[in-house]
């Protein structure tokens, strides 16, 4: 499985989202890390809507997502942009 698929699977299991998009943005960051640290899936964006986020602040949502993806960070995920919302909250996407 790719890192993107691993992230999707982990977030599905942890949050049972209504909507989930995992976007590989690694190509936008090419060249800013040493070549031996770069890879095809180092920078990802997560857009997620889940009832699990109801009553949680932005920082708590980000921490919960980072915790769910701990194994990916240990395996080389360098950066994660998070756009998390509870159902009914406005999103820009």
PDB file of N, CA and C in Angstrom:
ATOM      1  N   UNK A   1       0.831  -1.189   0.000  1.00  0.00           N
ATOM      2  CA  UNK A   1       0.000   0.000   0.000  1.00  0.00           C
ATOM      3  C   UNK A   1       0.874   1.250   0.000  1.00  0.00           C
ATOM      4  N   UNK A   2       0.398   2.300  -0.608  1.00  0.00           N
ATOM      5  CA  UNK A   2       1.125   3.561  -0.614  1.00  0.00           C
ATOM      6  C   UNK A   2       0.888   4.287   0.709  1.00  0.00           C
ATOM      7  N   UNK A   3       1.706   5.283   0.981  1.00  0.00           N
ATOM      8  CA  UNK A   3       1.501   6.087   2.192  1.00  0.00           C
ATOM      9  C   UNK A   3       0.118   6.745   2.150  1.00  0.00           C
ATOM     10  N   UNK A   4      -0.277   7.231   1.000  1.00  0.00           N
ATOM     11  CA  UNK A   4      -1.590   7.868   0.874  1.00  0.00           C
ATOM     12  C   UNK A   4      -2.700   6.880   1.253  1.00  0.00           C
ATOM     13  N   UNK A   5      -2.601   5.658   0.789  1.00  0.00           N
ATOM     14  CA  UNK A   5      -3.586   4.630   1.133  1.00  0.00           C
ATOM     15  C   UNK A   5      -3.535   4.288   2.622  1.00  0.00           C
ATOM     16  N   UNK A   6      -2.339   4.231   3.189  1.00  0.00           N
ATOM     17  CA  UNK A   6      -2.199   3.968   4.621  1.00  0.00           C
ATOM     18  C   UNK A   6      -2.860   5.061   5.450  1.00  0.00           C
ATOM     19  N   UNK A   7      -2.659   6.299   5.033  1.00  0.00           N
ATOM     20  CA  UNK A   7      -3.268   7.430   5.743  1.00  0.00           C
ATOM     21  C   UNK A   7      -4.786   7.353   5.646  1.00  0.00           C
ATOM     22  N   UNK A   8      -5.294   7.104   4.451  1.00  0.00           N
ATOM     23  CA  UNK A   8      -6.744   6.989   4.275  1.00  0.00           C
ATOM     24  C   UNK A   8      -7.306   5.889   5.163  1.00  0.00           C
ATOM     25  N   UNK A   9      -6.648   4.752   5.188  1.00  0.00           N
ATOM     26  CA  UNK A   9      -7.109   3.619   5.988  1.00  0.00           C
ATOM     27  C   UNK A   9      -7.093   3.948   7.477  1.00  0.00           C
ATOM     28  N   UNK A  10      -6.016   4.539   7.954  1.00  0.00           N
ATOM     29  CA  UNK A  10      -5.904   4.876   9.375  1.00  0.00           C
ATOM     30  C   UNK A  10      -6.964   5.891   9.792  1.00  0.00           C
ATOM     31  N   UNK A  11      -7.204   6.884   8.951  1.00  0.00           N
ATOM     32  CA  UNK A  11      -8.195   7.904   9.289  1.00  0.00           C
ATOM     33  C   UNK A  11      -9.620   7.362   9.206  1.00  0.00           C
ATOM     34  N   UNK A  12      -9.872   6.475   8.249  1.00  0.00           N
ATOM     35  CA  UNK A  12     -11.184   5.830   8.185  1.00  0.00           C
ATOM     36  C   UNK A  12     -11.447   5.055   9.471  1.00  0.00           C
ATOM     37  N   UNK A  13     -10.468   4.289   9.907  1.00  0.00           N
ATOM     38  CA  UNK A  13     -10.622   3.458  11.105  1.00  0.00           C
ATOM     39  C   UNK A  13     -10.783   4.305  12.368  1.00  0.00           C
ATOM     40  N   UNK A  14     -10.048   5.392  12.460  1.00  0.00           N
ATOM     41  CA  UNK A  14     -10.055   6.202  13.676  1.00  0.00           C
ATOM     42  C   UNK A  14     -11.261   7.132  13.781  1.00  0.00           C
ATOM     43  N   UNK A  15     -11.735   7.660  12.640  1.00  0.00           N
ATOM     44  CA  UNK A  15     -12.728   8.734  12.693  1.00  0.00           C
ATOM     45  C   UNK A  15     -14.030   8.459  11.941  1.00  0.00           C
ATOM     46  N   UNK A  16     -14.100   7.409  11.167  1.00  0.00           N
ATOM     47  CA  UNK A  16     -15.309   7.086  10.383  1.00  0.00           C
ATOM     48  C   UNK A  16     -15.893   8.351   9.725  1.00  0.00           C
ATOM     49  N   UNK A  17     -15.095   8.988   8.881  1.00  0.00           N
ATOM     50  CA  UNK A  17     -15.495  10.292   8.345  1.00  0.00           C
ATOM     51  C   UNK A  17     -16.635  10.225   7.328  1.00  0.00           C
ATOM     52  N   UNK A  18     -17.374  11.320   7.280  1.00  0.00           N
ATOM     53  CA  UNK A  18     -18.380  11.506   6.236  1.00  0.00           C
ATOM     54  C   UNK A  18     -17.711  11.840   4.913  1.00  0.00           C
ATOM     55  N   UNK A  19     -16.636  12.614   4.999  1.00  0.00           N
ATOM     56  CA  UNK A  19     -15.840  12.969   3.813  1.00  0.00           C
ATOM     57  C   UNK A  19     -14.376  12.890   4.187  1.00  0.00           C
ATOM     58  N   UNK A  20     -13.595  12.393   3.256  1.00  0.00           N
ATOM     59  CA  UNK A  20     -12.152  12.293   3.475  1.00  0.00           C
ATOM     60  C   UNK A  20     -11.432  12.402   2.149  1.00  0.00           C
ATOM     61  N   UNK A  21     -10.488  13.317   2.099  1.00  0.00           N
ATOM     62  CA  UNK A  21      -9.616  13.470   0.946  1.00  0.00           C
ATOM     63  C   UNK A  21      -8.183  13.521   1.467  1.00  0.00           C
ATOM     64  N   UNK A  22      -7.335  12.676   0.925  1.00  0.00           N
ATOM     65  CA  UNK A  22      -5.909  12.701   1.247  1.00  0.00           C
ATOM     66  C   UNK A  22      -5.190  13.060  -0.049  1.00  0.00           C
ATOM     67  N   UNK A  23      -4.491  14.172  -0.018  1.00  0.00           N
ATOM     68  CA  UNK A  23      -3.881  14.731  -1.226  1.00  0.00           C
ATOM     69  C   UNK A  23      -2.367  14.737  -1.063  1.00  0.00           C
ATOM     70  N   UNK A  24      -1.683  14.148  -2.017  1.00  0.00           N
ATOM     71  CA  UNK A  24      -0.221  14.116  -2.011  1.00  0.00           C
ATOM     72  C   UNK A  24       0.294  15.436  -2.585  1.00  0.00           C
ATOM     73  N   UNK A  25       0.947  16.224  -1.755  1.00  0.00           N
ATOM     74  CA  UNK A  25       1.496  17.519  -2.188  1.00  0.00           C
ATOM     75  C   UNK A  25       3.019  17.511  -2.228  1.00  0.00           C
ATOM     76  N   UNK A  26       3.603  16.339  -2.236  1.00  0.00           N
ATOM     77  CA  UNK A  26       5.064  16.222  -2.182  1.00  0.00           C
ATOM     78  C   UNK A  26       5.743  16.947  -3.329  1.00  0.00           C
ATOM     79  N   UNK A  27       5.150  16.909  -4.501  1.00  0.00           N
ATOM     80  CA  UNK A  27       5.759  17.553  -5.669  1.00  0.00           C
ATOM     81  C   UNK A  27       5.895  19.065  -5.483  1.00  0.00           C
ATOM     82  N   UNK A  28       5.093  19.656  -4.613  1.00  0.00           N
ATOM     83  CA  UNK A  28       5.160  21.093  -4.367  1.00  0.00           C
ATOM     84  C   UNK A  28       6.346  21.475  -3.478  1.00  0.00           C
ATOM     85  N   UNK A  29       6.957  20.476  -2.857  1.00  0.00           N
ATOM     86  CA  UNK A  29       8.019  20.727  -1.894  1.00  0.00           C
ATOM     87  C   UNK A  29       9.355  20.118  -2.301  1.00  0.00           C
ATOM     88  N   UNK A  30       9.459  19.679  -3.517  1.00  0.00           N
ATOM     89  CA  UNK A  30      10.689  19.036  -3.984  1.00  0.00           C
ATOM     90  C   UNK A  30      11.872  19.986  -3.841  1.00  0.00           C
ATOM     91  N   UNK A  31      12.979  19.445  -3.339  1.00  0.00           N
ATOM     92  CA  UNK A  31      14.211  20.210  -3.276  1.00  0.00           C
ATOM     93  C   UNK A  31      14.481  20.907  -1.967  1.00  0.00           C
ATOM     94  N   UNK A  32      13.557  20.917  -1.028  1.00  0.00           N
ATOM     95  CA  UNK A  32      13.845  21.622   0.217  1.00  0.00           C
ATOM     96  C   UNK A  32      14.378  20.712   1.322  1.00  0.00           C
ATOM     97  N   UNK A  33      14.467  19.430   1.043  1.00  0.00           N
ATOM     98  CA  UNK A  33      15.072  18.486   1.985  1.00  0.00           C
ATOM     99  C   UNK A  33      16.239  17.804   1.280  1.00  0.00           C
ATOM    100  N   UNK A  34      17.173  17.269   2.047  1.00  0.00           N
ATOM    101  CA  UNK A  34      18.271  16.534   1.401  1.00  0.00           C
ATOM    102  C   UNK A  34      17.724  15.394   0.550  1.00  0.00           C
ATOM    103  N   UNK A  35      18.330  15.094  -0.583  1.00  0.00           N
ATOM    104  CA  UNK A  35      17.817  14.069  -1.495  1.00  0.00           C
ATOM    105  C   UNK A  35      17.559  12.725  -0.824  1.00  0.00           C
ATOM    106  N   UNK A  36      18.401  12.337   0.135  1.00  0.00           N
ATOM    107  CA  UNK A  36      18.193  11.044   0.784  1.00  0.00           C
ATOM    108  C   UNK A  36      16.955  11.036   1.677  1.00  0.00           C
ATOM    109  N   UNK A  37      16.430  12.217   2.032  1.00  0.00           N
ATOM    110  CA  UNK A  37      15.235  12.295   2.873  1.00  0.00           C
ATOM    111  C   UNK A  37      13.966  12.530   2.064  1.00  0.00           C
ATOM    112  N   UNK A  38      14.110  12.886   0.813  1.00  0.00           N
ATOM    113  CA  UNK A  38      12.938  13.139  -0.017  1.00  0.00           C
ATOM    114  C   UNK A  38      12.364  11.841  -0.538  1.00  0.00           C
ATOM    115  N   UNK A  39      11.109  11.869  -0.854  1.00  0.00           N
ATOM    116  CA  UNK A  39      10.446  10.710  -1.408  1.00  0.00           C
ATOM    117  C   UNK A  39       9.166  11.142  -2.091  1.00  0.00           C
ATOM    118  N   UNK A  40       8.468  10.200  -2.688  1.00  0.00           N
ATOM    119  CA  UNK A  40       7.273  10.560  -3.435  1.00  0.00           C
ATOM    120  C   UNK A  40       6.063  10.873  -2.552  1.00  0.00           C
ATOM    121  N   UNK A  41       6.130  10.554  -1.253  1.00  0.00           N
ATOM    122  CA  UNK A  41       4.975  10.782  -0.378  1.00  0.00           C
ATOM    123  C   UNK A  41       5.408  11.303   0.991  1.00  0.00           C
ATOM    124  N   UNK A  42       6.013  12.494   0.985  1.00  0.00           N
ATOM    125  CA  UNK A  42       6.501  13.071   2.227  1.00  0.00           C
ATOM    126  C   UNK A  42       5.629  14.210   2.744  1.00  0.00           C
ATOM    127  N   UNK A  43       4.839  14.820   1.874  1.00  0.00           N
ATOM    128  CA  UNK A  43       4.007  15.968   2.232  1.00  0.00           C
ATOM    129  C   UNK A  43       2.563  15.675   1.803  1.00  0.00           C
ATOM    130  N   UNK A  44       1.677  15.626   2.782  1.00  0.00           N
ATOM    131  CA  UNK A  44       0.285  15.287   2.480  1.00  0.00           C
ATOM    132  C   UNK A  44      -0.656  16.343   3.060  1.00  0.00           C
ATOM    133  N   UNK A  45      -1.826  16.434   2.480  1.00  0.00           N
ATOM    134  CA  UNK A  45      -2.912  17.284   2.981  1.00  0.00           C
ATOM    135  C   UNK A  45      -4.100  16.379   3.251  1.00  0.00           C
ATOM    136  N   UNK A  46      -4.728  16.575   4.402  1.00  0.00           N
ATOM    137  CA  UNK A  46      -5.912  15.808   4.782  1.00  0.00           C
ATOM    138  C   UNK A  46      -7.079  16.773   4.914  1.00  0.00           C
ATOM    139  N   UNK A  47      -8.142  16.456   4.240  1.00  0.00           N
ATOM    140  CA  UNK A  47      -9.408  17.169   4.382  1.00  0.00           C
ATOM    141  C   UNK A  47     -10.426  16.146   4.885  1.00  0.00           C
ATOM    142  N   UNK A  48     -10.968  16.402   6.068  1.00  0.00           N
ATOM    143  CA  UNK A  48     -11.789  15.399   6.711  1.00  0.00           C
ATOM    144  C   UNK A  48     -12.963  16.040   7.445  1.00  0.00           C
ATOM    145  N   UNK A  49     -14.127  15.422   7.304  1.00  0.00           N
ATOM    146  CA  UNK A  49     -15.317  15.809   8.059  1.00  0.00           C
ATOM    147  C   UNK A  49     -15.763  14.581   8.831  1.00  0.00           C
ATOM    148  N   UNK A  50     -15.837  14.724  10.158  1.00  0.00           N
ATOM    149  CA  UNK A  50     -16.198  13.592  11.004  1.00  0.00           C
ATOM    150  C   UNK A  50     -16.934  14.067  12.248  1.00  0.00           C
ATOM    151  N   UNK A  51     -17.930  13.300  12.662  1.00  0.00           N
ATOM    152  CA  UNK A  51     -18.647  13.590  13.904  1.00  0.00           C
ATOM    153  C   UNK A  51     -17.717  13.491  15.110  1.00  0.00           C
ATOM    154  N   UNK A  52     -16.627  12.768  14.968  1.00  0.00           N
ATOM    155  CA  UNK A  52     -15.658  12.634  16.069  1.00  0.00           C
ATOM    156  C   UNK A  52     -15.065  13.983  16.469  1.00  0.00           C
ATOM    157  N   UNK A  53     -15.140  14.976  15.597  1.00  0.00           N
ATOM    158  CA  UNK A  53     -14.556  16.276  15.878  1.00  0.00           C
ATOM    159  C   UNK A  53     -15.522  17.247  16.547  1.00  0.00           C
ATOM    160  N   UNK A  54     -16.765  16.841  16.736  1.00  0.00           N
ATOM    161  CA  UNK A  54     -17.738  17.725  17.380  1.00  0.00           C
ATOM    162  C   UNK A  54     -17.280  18.071  18.783  1.00  0.00           C
ATOM    163  N   UNK A  55     -17.300  19.346  19.108  1.00  0.00           N
ATOM    164  CA  UNK A  55     -16.905  19.811  20.423  1.00  0.00           C
ATOM    165  C   UNK A  55     -15.409  19.933  20.625  1.00  0.00           C
ATOM    166  N   UNK A  56     -14.635  19.593  19.618  1.00  0.00           N
ATOM    167  CA  UNK A  56     -13.178  19.694  19.712  1.00  0.00           C
ATOM    168  C   UNK A  56     -12.712  20.986  19.049  1.00  0.00           C
ATOM    169  N   UNK A  57     -11.707  21.596  19.632  1.00  0.00           N
ATOM    170  CA  UNK A  57     -11.085  22.757  19.017  1.00  0.00           C
ATOM    171  C   UNK A  57     -10.138  22.328  17.906  1.00  0.00           C
ATOM    172  N   UNK A  58      -9.643  23.309  17.197  1.00  0.00           N
ATOM    173  CA  UNK A  58      -8.761  23.043  16.057  1.00  0.00           C
ATOM    174  C   UNK A  58      -7.495  22.280  16.472  1.00  0.00           C
ATOM    175  N   UNK A  59      -6.867  22.704  17.553  1.00  0.00           N
ATOM    176  CA  UNK A  59      -5.625  22.058  17.993  1.00  0.00           C
ATOM    177  C   UNK A  59      -5.899  20.613  18.404  1.00  0.00           C
ATOM    178  N   UNK A  60      -6.984  20.378  19.119  1.00  0.00           N
ATOM    179  CA  UNK A  60      -7.326  19.011  19.543  1.00  0.00           C
ATOM    180  C   UNK A  60      -7.585  18.113  18.330  1.00  0.00           C
ATOM    181  N   UNK A  61      -8.214  18.643  17.310  1.00  0.00           N
ATOM    182  CA  UNK A  61      -8.451  17.878  16.076  1.00  0.00           C
ATOM    183  C   UNK A  61      -7.131  17.501  15.422  1.00  0.00           C
ATOM    184  N   UNK A  62      -6.240  18.449  15.328  1.00  0.00           N
ATOM    185  CA  UNK A  62      -4.937  18.191  14.708  1.00  0.00           C
ATOM    186  C   UNK A  62      -4.152  17.152  15.509  1.00  0.00           C
ATOM    187  N   UNK A  63      -4.197  17.267  16.813  1.00  0.00           N
ATOM    188  CA  UNK A  63      -3.483  16.300  17.655  1.00  0.00           C
ATOM    189  C   UNK A  63      -4.054  14.897  17.478  1.00  0.00           C
ATOM    190  N   UNK A  64      -5.380  14.800  17.417  1.00  0.00           N
ATOM    191  CA  UNK A  64      -6.015  13.490  17.243  1.00  0.00           C
ATOM    192  C   UNK A  64      -5.606  12.869  15.911  1.00  0.00           C
ATOM    193  N   UNK A  65      -5.570  13.675  14.861  1.00  0.00           N
ATOM    194  CA  UNK A  65      -5.168  13.172  13.546  1.00  0.00           C
ATOM    195  C   UNK A  65      -3.698  12.781  13.559  1.00  0.00           C
ATOM    196  N   UNK A  66      -2.841  13.620  14.134  1.00  0.00           N
ATOM    197  CA  UNK A  66      -1.418  13.281  14.223  1.00  0.00           C
ATOM    198  C   UNK A  66      -1.209  11.993  15.007  1.00  0.00           C
ATOM    199  N   UNK A  67      -1.948  11.816  16.085  1.00  0.00           N
ATOM    200  CA  UNK A  67      -1.837  10.581  16.868  1.00  0.00           C
ATOM    201  C   UNK A  67      -2.231   9.366  16.038  1.00  0.00           C
ATOM    202  N   UNK A  68      -3.296   9.503  15.244  1.00  0.00           N
ATOM    203  CA  UNK A  68      -3.752   8.392  14.400  1.00  0.00           C
ATOM    204  C   UNK A  68      -2.734   8.046  13.319  1.00  0.00           C
ATOM    205  N   UNK A  69      -1.895   9.019  12.962  1.00  0.00           N
ATOM    206  CA  UNK A  69      -0.920   8.819  11.888  1.00  0.00           C
ATOM    207  C   UNK A  69       0.517   8.717  12.414  1.00  0.00           C
ATOM    208  N   UNK A  70       0.666   8.435  13.679  1.00  0.00           N
ATOM    209  CA  UNK A  70       1.987   8.346  14.300  1.00  0.00           C
ATOM    210  C   UNK A  70       2.931   7.416  13.532  1.00  0.00           C
ATOM    211  N   UNK A  71       2.428   6.265  13.123  1.00  0.00           N
ATOM    212  CA  UNK A  71       3.277   5.307  12.400  1.00  0.00           C
ATOM    213  C   UNK A  71       3.781   5.893  11.078  1.00  0.00           C
ATOM    214  N   UNK A  72       2.966   6.682  10.410  1.00  0.00           N
ATOM    215  CA  UNK A  72       3.382   7.295   9.137  1.00  0.00           C
ATOM    216  C   UNK A  72       4.468   8.336   9.364  1.00  0.00           C
ATOM    217  N   UNK A  73       4.352   9.109  10.436  1.00  0.00           N
ATOM    218  CA  UNK A  73       5.403  10.084  10.749  1.00  0.00           C
ATOM    219  C   UNK A  73       6.713   9.367  11.058  1.00  0.00           C
ATOM    220  N   UNK A  74       6.642   8.273  11.788  1.00  0.00           N
ATOM    221  CA  UNK A  74       7.847   7.505  12.107  1.00  0.00           C
ATOM    222  C   UNK A  74       8.459   6.888  10.854  1.00  0.00           C
ATOM    223  N   UNK A  75       7.631   6.666   9.829  1.00  0.00           N
ATOM    224  CA  UNK A  75       8.089   6.027   8.595  1.00  0.00           C
ATOM    225  C   UNK A  75       8.484   7.030   7.516  1.00  0.00           C
ATOM    226  N   UNK A  76       8.538   8.314   7.834  1.00  0.00           N
ATOM    227  CA  UNK A  76       9.041   9.265   6.858  1.00  0.00           C
ATOM    228  C   UNK A  76       8.089  10.345   6.399  1.00  0.00           C
ATOM    229  N   UNK A  77       6.856  10.347   6.876  1.00  0.00           N
ATOM    230  CA  UNK A  77       5.964  11.465   6.555  1.00  0.00           C
ATOM    231  C   UNK A  77       6.556  12.706   7.188  1.00  0.00           C
ATOM    232  N   UNK A  78       6.808  13.709   6.386  1.00  0.00           N
ATOM    233  CA  UNK A  78       7.515  14.905   6.858  1.00  0.00           C
ATOM    234  C   UNK A  78       6.555  16.020   7.258  1.00  0.00           C
ATOM    235  N   UNK A  79       5.487  16.204   6.492  1.00  0.00           N
ATOM    236  CA  UNK A  79       4.583  17.315   6.744  1.00  0.00           C
ATOM    237  C   UNK A  79       3.152  16.904   6.443  1.00  0.00           C
ATOM    238  N   UNK A  80       2.231  17.416   7.258  1.00  0.00           N
ATOM    239  CA  UNK A  80       0.815  17.108   7.096  1.00  0.00           C
ATOM    240  C   UNK A  80       0.017  18.379   7.299  1.00  0.00           C
ATOM    241  N   UNK A  81      -0.690  18.803   6.272  1.00  0.00           N
ATOM    242  CA  UNK A  81      -1.617  19.929   6.383  1.00  0.00           C
ATOM    243  C   UNK A  81      -2.990  19.339   6.690  1.00  0.00           C
ATOM    244  N   UNK A  82      -3.668  19.898   7.682  1.00  0.00           N
ATOM    245  CA  UNK A  82      -4.932  19.336   8.137  1.00  0.00           C
ATOM    246  C   UNK A  82      -6.036  20.369   8.016  1.00  0.00           C
ATOM    247  N   UNK A  83      -7.123  19.950   7.381  1.00  0.00           N
ATOM    248  CA  UNK A  83      -8.347  20.734   7.332  1.00  0.00           C
ATOM    249  C   UNK A  83      -9.442  19.815   7.857  1.00  0.00           C
ATOM    250  N   UNK A  84      -9.789  19.988   9.138  1.00  0.00           N
ATOM    251  CA  UNK A  84     -10.730  19.087   9.800  1.00  0.00           C
ATOM    252  C   UNK A  84     -11.973  19.854  10.227  1.00  0.00           C
ATOM    253  N   UNK A  85     -13.127  19.218  10.058  1.00  0.00           N
ATOM    254  CA  UNK A  85     -14.392  19.840  10.434  1.00  0.00           C
ATOM    255  C   UNK A  85     -15.349  18.785  10.962  1.00  0.00           C
ATOM    256  N   UNK A  86     -16.283  19.241  11.777  1.00  0.00           N
ATOM    257  CA  UNK A  86     -17.389  18.400  12.206  1.00  0.00           C
ATOM    258  C   UNK A  86     -18.533  18.598  11.200  1.00  0.00           C
ATOM    259  N   UNK A  87     -19.467  17.659  11.114  1.00  0.00           N
ATOM    260  CA  UNK A  87     -20.592  17.812  10.192  1.00  0.00           C
ATOM    261  C   UNK A  87     -21.337  19.136  10.450  1.00  0.00           C
ATOM    262  N   UNK A  88     -21.676  19.807   9.378  1.00  0.00           N
ATOM    263  CA  UNK A  88     -22.382  21.073   9.465  1.00  0.00           C
ATOM    264  C   UNK A  88     -21.497  22.282   9.549  1.00  0.00           C
ATOM    265  N   UNK A  89     -20.229  22.095   9.830  1.00  0.00           N
ATOM    266  CA  UNK A  89     -19.313  23.231   9.866  1.00  0.00           C
ATOM    267  C   UNK A  89     -18.893  23.593   8.448  1.00  0.00           C
ATOM    268  N   UNK A  90     -18.686  24.864   8.181  1.00  0.00           N
ATOM    269  CA  UNK A  90     -18.290  25.257   6.831  1.00  0.00           C
ATOM    270  C   UNK A  90     -16.875  24.787   6.491  1.00  0.00           C
ATOM    271  N   UNK A  91     -16.685  24.424   5.244  1.00  0.00           N
ATOM    272  CA  UNK A  91     -15.360  24.089   4.729  1.00  0.00           C
ATOM    273  C   UNK A  91     -15.120  24.928   3.486  1.00  0.00           C
ATOM    274  N   UNK A  92     -13.871  25.080   3.122  1.00  0.00           N
ATOM    275  CA  UNK A  92     -13.523  25.815   1.906  1.00  0.00           C
ATOM    276  C   UNK A  92     -13.366  24.888   0.720  1.00  0.00           C
ATOM    277  N   UNK A  93     -13.673  23.595   0.925  1.00  0.00           N
ATOM    278  CA  UNK A  93     -13.477  22.609  -0.128  1.00  0.00           C
ATOM    279  C   UNK A  93     -14.707  21.812  -0.233  1.00  0.00           C
TER     280      UNK A  93
END
